């Protein structure tokens, strides 16, 4: 379970940093949708990484 948490947090930080530096986050409702999409995709990717590492 630690791999899931670590990989999810790492993905949120990495992808969030890239998106913010690229100016991809919009304003208002668009920013909220972008943030929710980022978190959702990071959780899914973190779960896949945790499954692959055998920690889940």
PDB file of N, CA and C in Angstrom:
ATOM      1  N   UNK A   1       0.815  -1.189   0.000  1.00  0.00           N
ATOM      2  CA  UNK A   1       0.000   0.000   0.000  1.00  0.00           C
ATOM      3  C   UNK A   1       0.864   1.260   0.000  1.00  0.00           C
ATOM      4  N   UNK A   2       2.075   1.134   0.527  1.00  0.00           N
ATOM      5  CA  UNK A   2       2.966   2.285   0.525  1.00  0.00           C
ATOM      6  C   UNK A   2       3.360   2.690  -0.890  1.00  0.00           C
ATOM      7  N   UNK A   3       3.525   1.704  -1.773  1.00  0.00           N
ATOM      8  CA  UNK A   3       3.885   2.014  -3.157  1.00  0.00           C
ATOM      9  C   UNK A   3       2.770   2.773  -3.850  1.00  0.00           C
ATOM     10  N   UNK A   4       1.525   2.423  -3.546  1.00  0.00           N
ATOM     11  CA  UNK A   4       0.384   3.122  -4.134  1.00  0.00           C
ATOM     12  C   UNK A   4       0.371   4.584  -3.704  1.00  0.00           C
ATOM     13  N   UNK A   5       0.525   4.819  -2.428  1.00  0.00           N
ATOM     14  CA  UNK A   5       0.515   6.182  -1.910  1.00  0.00           C
ATOM     15  C   UNK A   5       1.686   6.982  -2.448  1.00  0.00           C
ATOM     16  N   UNK A   6       2.866   6.411  -2.412  1.00  0.00           N
ATOM     17  CA  UNK A   6       4.055   7.118  -2.879  1.00  0.00           C
ATOM     18  C   UNK A   6       3.975   7.446  -4.367  1.00  0.00           C
ATOM     19  N   UNK A   7       3.590   6.464  -5.174  1.00  0.00           N
ATOM     20  CA  UNK A   7       3.549   6.708  -6.616  1.00  0.00           C
ATOM     21  C   UNK A   7       2.448   7.694  -6.988  1.00  0.00           C
ATOM     22  N   UNK A   8       1.326   7.657  -6.283  1.00  0.00           N
ATOM     23  CA  UNK A   8       0.255   8.616  -6.553  1.00  0.00           C
ATOM     24  C   UNK A   8       0.705  10.032  -6.231  1.00  0.00           C
ATOM     25  N   UNK A   9       1.318  10.235  -5.083  1.00  0.00           N
ATOM     26  CA  UNK A   9       1.795  11.563  -4.700  1.00  0.00           C
ATOM     27  C   UNK A   9       2.878  12.042  -5.655  1.00  0.00           C
ATOM     28  N   UNK A  10       3.793  11.148  -6.014  1.00  0.00           N
ATOM     29  CA  UNK A  10       4.868  11.523  -6.935  1.00  0.00           C
ATOM     30  C   UNK A  10       4.306  11.929  -8.295  1.00  0.00           C
ATOM     31  N   UNK A  11       3.325  11.186  -8.793  1.00  0.00           N
ATOM     32  CA  UNK A  11       2.731  11.515 -10.089  1.00  0.00           C
ATOM     33  C   UNK A  11       1.986  12.844 -10.038  1.00  0.00           C
ATOM     34  N   UNK A  12       1.255  13.100  -8.953  1.00  0.00           N
ATOM     35  CA  UNK A  12       0.548  14.377  -8.826  1.00  0.00           C
ATOM     36  C   UNK A  12       1.538  15.539  -8.829  1.00  0.00           C
ATOM     37  N   UNK A  13       2.620  15.392  -8.099  1.00  0.00           N
ATOM     38  CA  UNK A  13       3.616  16.463  -8.022  1.00  0.00           C
ATOM     39  C   UNK A  13       4.298  16.674  -9.371  1.00  0.00           C
ATOM     40  N   UNK A  14       4.723  15.596 -10.007  1.00  0.00           N
ATOM     41  CA  UNK A  14       5.446  15.712 -11.276  1.00  0.00           C
ATOM     42  C   UNK A  14       4.557  16.286 -12.375  1.00  0.00           C
ATOM     43  N   UNK A  15       3.375  15.688 -12.559  1.00  0.00           N
ATOM     44  CA  UNK A  15       2.490  16.148 -13.628  1.00  0.00           C
ATOM     45  C   UNK A  15       1.963  17.541 -13.325  1.00  0.00           C
ATOM     46  N   UNK A  16       1.635  17.818 -12.070  1.00  0.00           N
ATOM     47  CA  UNK A  16       1.170  19.152 -11.688  1.00  0.00           C
ATOM     48  C   UNK A  16       2.214  20.219 -11.958  1.00  0.00           C
ATOM     49  N   UNK A  17       3.459  19.926 -11.639  1.00  0.00           N
ATOM     50  CA  UNK A  17       4.546  20.871 -11.895  1.00  0.00           C
ATOM     51  C   UNK A  17       4.705  21.137 -13.389  1.00  0.00           C
ATOM     52  N   UNK A  18       4.632  20.086 -14.179  1.00  0.00           N
ATOM     53  CA  UNK A  18       4.751  20.249 -15.633  1.00  0.00           C
ATOM     54  C   UNK A  18       3.604  21.084 -16.180  1.00  0.00           C
ATOM     55  N   UNK A  19       2.380  20.785 -15.741  1.00  0.00           N
ATOM     56  CA  UNK A  19       1.222  21.523 -16.239  1.00  0.00           C
ATOM     57  C   UNK A  19       1.255  22.987 -15.822  1.00  0.00           C
ATOM     58  N   UNK A  20       1.639  23.257 -14.578  1.00  0.00           N
ATOM     59  CA  UNK A  20       1.697  24.639 -14.113  1.00  0.00           C
ATOM     60  C   UNK A  20       2.775  25.404 -14.854  1.00  0.00           C
ATOM     61  N   UNK A  21       3.942  24.793 -15.048  1.00  0.00           N
ATOM     62  CA  UNK A  21       5.030  25.485 -15.744  1.00  0.00           C
ATOM     63  C   UNK A  21       4.704  25.698 -17.213  1.00  0.00           C
ATOM     64  N   UNK A  22       3.879  24.818 -17.791  1.00  0.00           N
ATOM     65  CA  UNK A  22       3.486  24.977 -19.189  1.00  0.00           C
ATOM     66  C   UNK A  22       2.288  25.911 -19.335  1.00  0.00           C
ATOM     67  N   UNK A  23       1.695  26.307 -18.219  1.00  0.00           N
ATOM     68  CA  UNK A  23       0.549  27.202 -18.258  1.00  0.00           C
ATOM     69  C   UNK A  23      -0.723  26.534 -18.754  1.00  0.00           C
ATOM     70  N   UNK A  24      -0.856  25.226 -18.517  1.00  0.00           N
ATOM     71  CA  UNK A  24      -2.000  24.484 -19.027  1.00  0.00           C
ATOM     72  C   UNK A  24      -3.225  24.585 -18.128  1.00  0.00           C
ATOM     73  N   UNK A  25      -3.044  25.001 -16.881  1.00  0.00           N
ATOM     74  CA  UNK A  25      -4.211  25.135 -16.014  1.00  0.00           C
ATOM     75  C   UNK A  25      -4.933  26.423 -16.347  1.00  0.00           C
ATOM     76  N   UNK A  26      -6.225  26.300 -16.596  1.00  0.00           N
ATOM     77  CA  UNK A  26      -7.031  27.468 -16.917  1.00  0.00           C
ATOM     78  C   UNK A  26      -7.492  28.175 -15.670  1.00  0.00           C
ATOM     79  N   UNK A  27      -8.535  28.970 -15.821  1.00  0.00           N
ATOM     80  CA  UNK A  27      -9.073  29.705 -14.690  1.00  0.00           C
ATOM     81  C   UNK A  27     -10.494  29.242 -14.432  1.00  0.00           C
ATOM     82  N   UNK A  28     -10.925  29.330 -13.182  1.00  0.00           N
ATOM     83  CA  UNK A  28     -12.298  29.013 -12.824  1.00  0.00           C
ATOM     84  C   UNK A  28     -12.619  27.534 -12.908  1.00  0.00           C
ATOM     85  N   UNK A  29     -13.727  27.231 -13.557  1.00  0.00           N
ATOM     86  CA  UNK A  29     -14.205  25.851 -13.642  1.00  0.00           C
ATOM     87  C   UNK A  29     -13.235  24.967 -14.404  1.00  0.00           C
ATOM     88  N   UNK A  30     -12.560  25.526 -15.383  1.00  0.00           N
ATOM     89  CA  UNK A  30     -11.608  24.748 -16.178  1.00  0.00           C
ATOM     90  C   UNK A  30     -10.439  24.266 -15.309  1.00  0.00           C
ATOM     91  N   UNK A  31     -10.012  25.094 -14.372  1.00  0.00           N
ATOM     92  CA  UNK A  31      -8.925  24.694 -13.465  1.00  0.00           C
ATOM     93  C   UNK A  31      -9.382  23.573 -12.547  1.00  0.00           C
ATOM     94  N   UNK A  32     -10.631  23.636 -12.088  1.00  0.00           N
ATOM     95  CA  UNK A  32     -11.164  22.580 -11.231  1.00  0.00           C
ATOM     96  C   UNK A  32     -11.235  21.256 -11.952  1.00  0.00           C
ATOM     97  N   UNK A  33     -11.688  21.291 -13.206  1.00  0.00           N
ATOM     98  CA  UNK A  33     -11.757  20.055 -13.992  1.00  0.00           C
ATOM     99  C   UNK A  33     -10.360  19.497 -14.234  1.00  0.00           C
ATOM    100  N   UNK A  34      -9.410  20.379 -14.512  1.00  0.00           N
ATOM    101  CA  UNK A  34      -8.039  19.931 -14.740  1.00  0.00           C
ATOM    102  C   UNK A  34      -7.432  19.301 -13.500  1.00  0.00           C
ATOM    103  N   UNK A  35      -7.710  19.887 -12.341  1.00  0.00           N
ATOM    104  CA  UNK A  35      -7.170  19.349 -11.090  1.00  0.00           C
ATOM    105  C   UNK A  35      -7.789  17.992 -10.773  1.00  0.00           C
ATOM    106  N   UNK A  36      -9.093  17.857 -10.970  1.00  0.00           N
ATOM    107  CA  UNK A  36      -9.749  16.572 -10.711  1.00  0.00           C
ATOM    108  C   UNK A  36      -9.263  15.493 -11.670  1.00  0.00           C
ATOM    109  N   UNK A  37      -9.062  15.873 -12.927  1.00  0.00           N
ATOM    110  CA  UNK A  37      -8.543  14.918 -13.905  1.00  0.00           C
ATOM    111  C   UNK A  37      -7.141  14.469 -13.518  1.00  0.00           C
ATOM    112  N   UNK A  38      -6.310  15.411 -13.096  1.00  0.00           N
ATOM    113  CA  UNK A  38      -4.942  15.099 -12.673  1.00  0.00           C
ATOM    114  C   UNK A  38      -4.942  14.128 -11.501  1.00  0.00           C
ATOM    115  N   UNK A  39      -5.759  14.402 -10.493  1.00  0.00           N
ATOM    116  CA  UNK A  39      -5.808  13.536  -9.318  1.00  0.00           C
ATOM    117  C   UNK A  39      -6.336  12.144  -9.692  1.00  0.00           C
ATOM    118  N   UNK A  40      -7.389  12.098 -10.495  1.00  0.00           N
ATOM    119  CA  UNK A  40      -7.962  10.823 -10.903  1.00  0.00           C
ATOM    120  C   UNK A  40      -6.987   9.963 -11.677  1.00  0.00           C
ATOM    121  N   UNK A  41      -6.342  10.562 -12.652  1.00  0.00           N
ATOM    122  CA  UNK A  41      -5.378   9.806 -13.455  1.00  0.00           C
ATOM    123  C   UNK A  41      -4.167   9.375 -12.629  1.00  0.00           C
ATOM    124  N   UNK A  42      -3.749  10.211 -11.686  1.00  0.00           N
ATOM    125  CA  UNK A  42      -2.614   9.857 -10.841  1.00  0.00           C
ATOM    126  C   UNK A  42      -2.955   8.696  -9.921  1.00  0.00           C
ATOM    127  N   UNK A  43      -4.192   8.666  -9.410  1.00  0.00           N
ATOM    128  CA  UNK A  43      -4.600   7.552  -8.551  1.00  0.00           C
ATOM    129  C   UNK A  43      -4.632   6.256  -9.346  1.00  0.00           C
ATOM    130  N   UNK A  44      -5.188   6.315 -10.552  1.00  0.00           N
ATOM    131  CA  UNK A  44      -5.243   5.114 -11.385  1.00  0.00           C
ATOM    132  C   UNK A  44      -3.835   4.637 -11.729  1.00  0.00           C
ATOM    133  N   UNK A  45      -2.969   5.555 -12.127  1.00  0.00           N
ATOM    134  CA  UNK A  45      -1.596   5.180 -12.476  1.00  0.00           C
ATOM    135  C   UNK A  45      -0.847   4.660 -11.250  1.00  0.00           C
ATOM    136  N   UNK A  46      -1.080   5.262 -10.099  1.00  0.00           N
ATOM    137  CA  UNK A  46      -0.448   4.785  -8.870  1.00  0.00           C
ATOM    138  C   UNK A  46      -0.890   3.383  -8.519  1.00  0.00           C
ATOM    139  N   UNK A  47      -2.167   3.090  -8.736  1.00  0.00           N
ATOM    140  CA  UNK A  47      -2.680   1.745  -8.462  1.00  0.00           C
ATOM    141  C   UNK A  47      -2.041   0.724  -9.394  1.00  0.00           C
ATOM    142  N   UNK A  48      -1.886   1.095 -10.662  1.00  0.00           N
ATOM    143  CA  UNK A  48      -1.250   0.188 -11.630  1.00  0.00           C
ATOM    144  C   UNK A  48       0.201  -0.080 -11.248  1.00  0.00           C
ATOM    145  N   UNK A  49       0.907   0.961 -10.818  1.00  0.00           N
ATOM    146  CA  UNK A  49       2.302   0.793 -10.398  1.00  0.00           C
ATOM    147  C   UNK A  49       2.377  -0.100  -9.163  1.00  0.00           C
ATOM    148  N   UNK A  50       1.456   0.101  -8.214  1.00  0.00           N
ATOM    149  CA  UNK A  50       1.455  -0.720  -7.004  1.00  0.00           C
ATOM    150  C   UNK A  50       1.127  -2.183  -7.342  1.00  0.00           C
ATOM    151  N   UNK A  51       0.218  -2.393  -8.278  1.00  0.00           N
ATOM    152  CA  UNK A  51      -0.072  -3.770  -8.710  1.00  0.00           C
ATOM    153  C   UNK A  51       1.155  -4.407  -9.356  1.00  0.00           C
ATOM    154  N   UNK A  52       1.827  -3.650 -10.195  1.00  0.00           N
ATOM    155  CA  UNK A  52       3.004  -4.179 -10.889  1.00  0.00           C
ATOM    156  C   UNK A  52       4.136  -4.510  -9.906  1.00  0.00           C
ATOM    157  N   UNK A  53       4.246  -3.718  -8.845  1.00  0.00           N
ATOM    158  CA  UNK A  53       5.323  -3.979  -7.894  1.00  0.00           C
ATOM    159  C   UNK A  53       4.952  -5.076  -6.906  1.00  0.00           C
ATOM    160  N   UNK A  54       3.686  -5.496  -6.910  1.00  0.00           N
ATOM    161  CA  UNK A  54       3.268  -6.574  -6.025  1.00  0.00           C
ATOM    162  C   UNK A  54       2.966  -6.154  -4.617  1.00  0.00           C
ATOM    163  N   UNK A  55       2.787  -4.865  -4.373  1.00  0.00           N
ATOM    164  CA  UNK A  55       2.533  -4.408  -3.002  1.00  0.00           C
ATOM    165  C   UNK A  55       1.056  -4.306  -2.677  1.00  0.00           C
ATOM    166  N   UNK A  56       0.181  -4.586  -3.650  1.00  0.00           N
ATOM    167  CA  UNK A  56      -1.265  -4.544  -3.386  1.00  0.00           C
ATOM    168  C   UNK A  56      -1.795  -5.963  -3.458  1.00  0.00           C
TER     169      UNK A  56
END
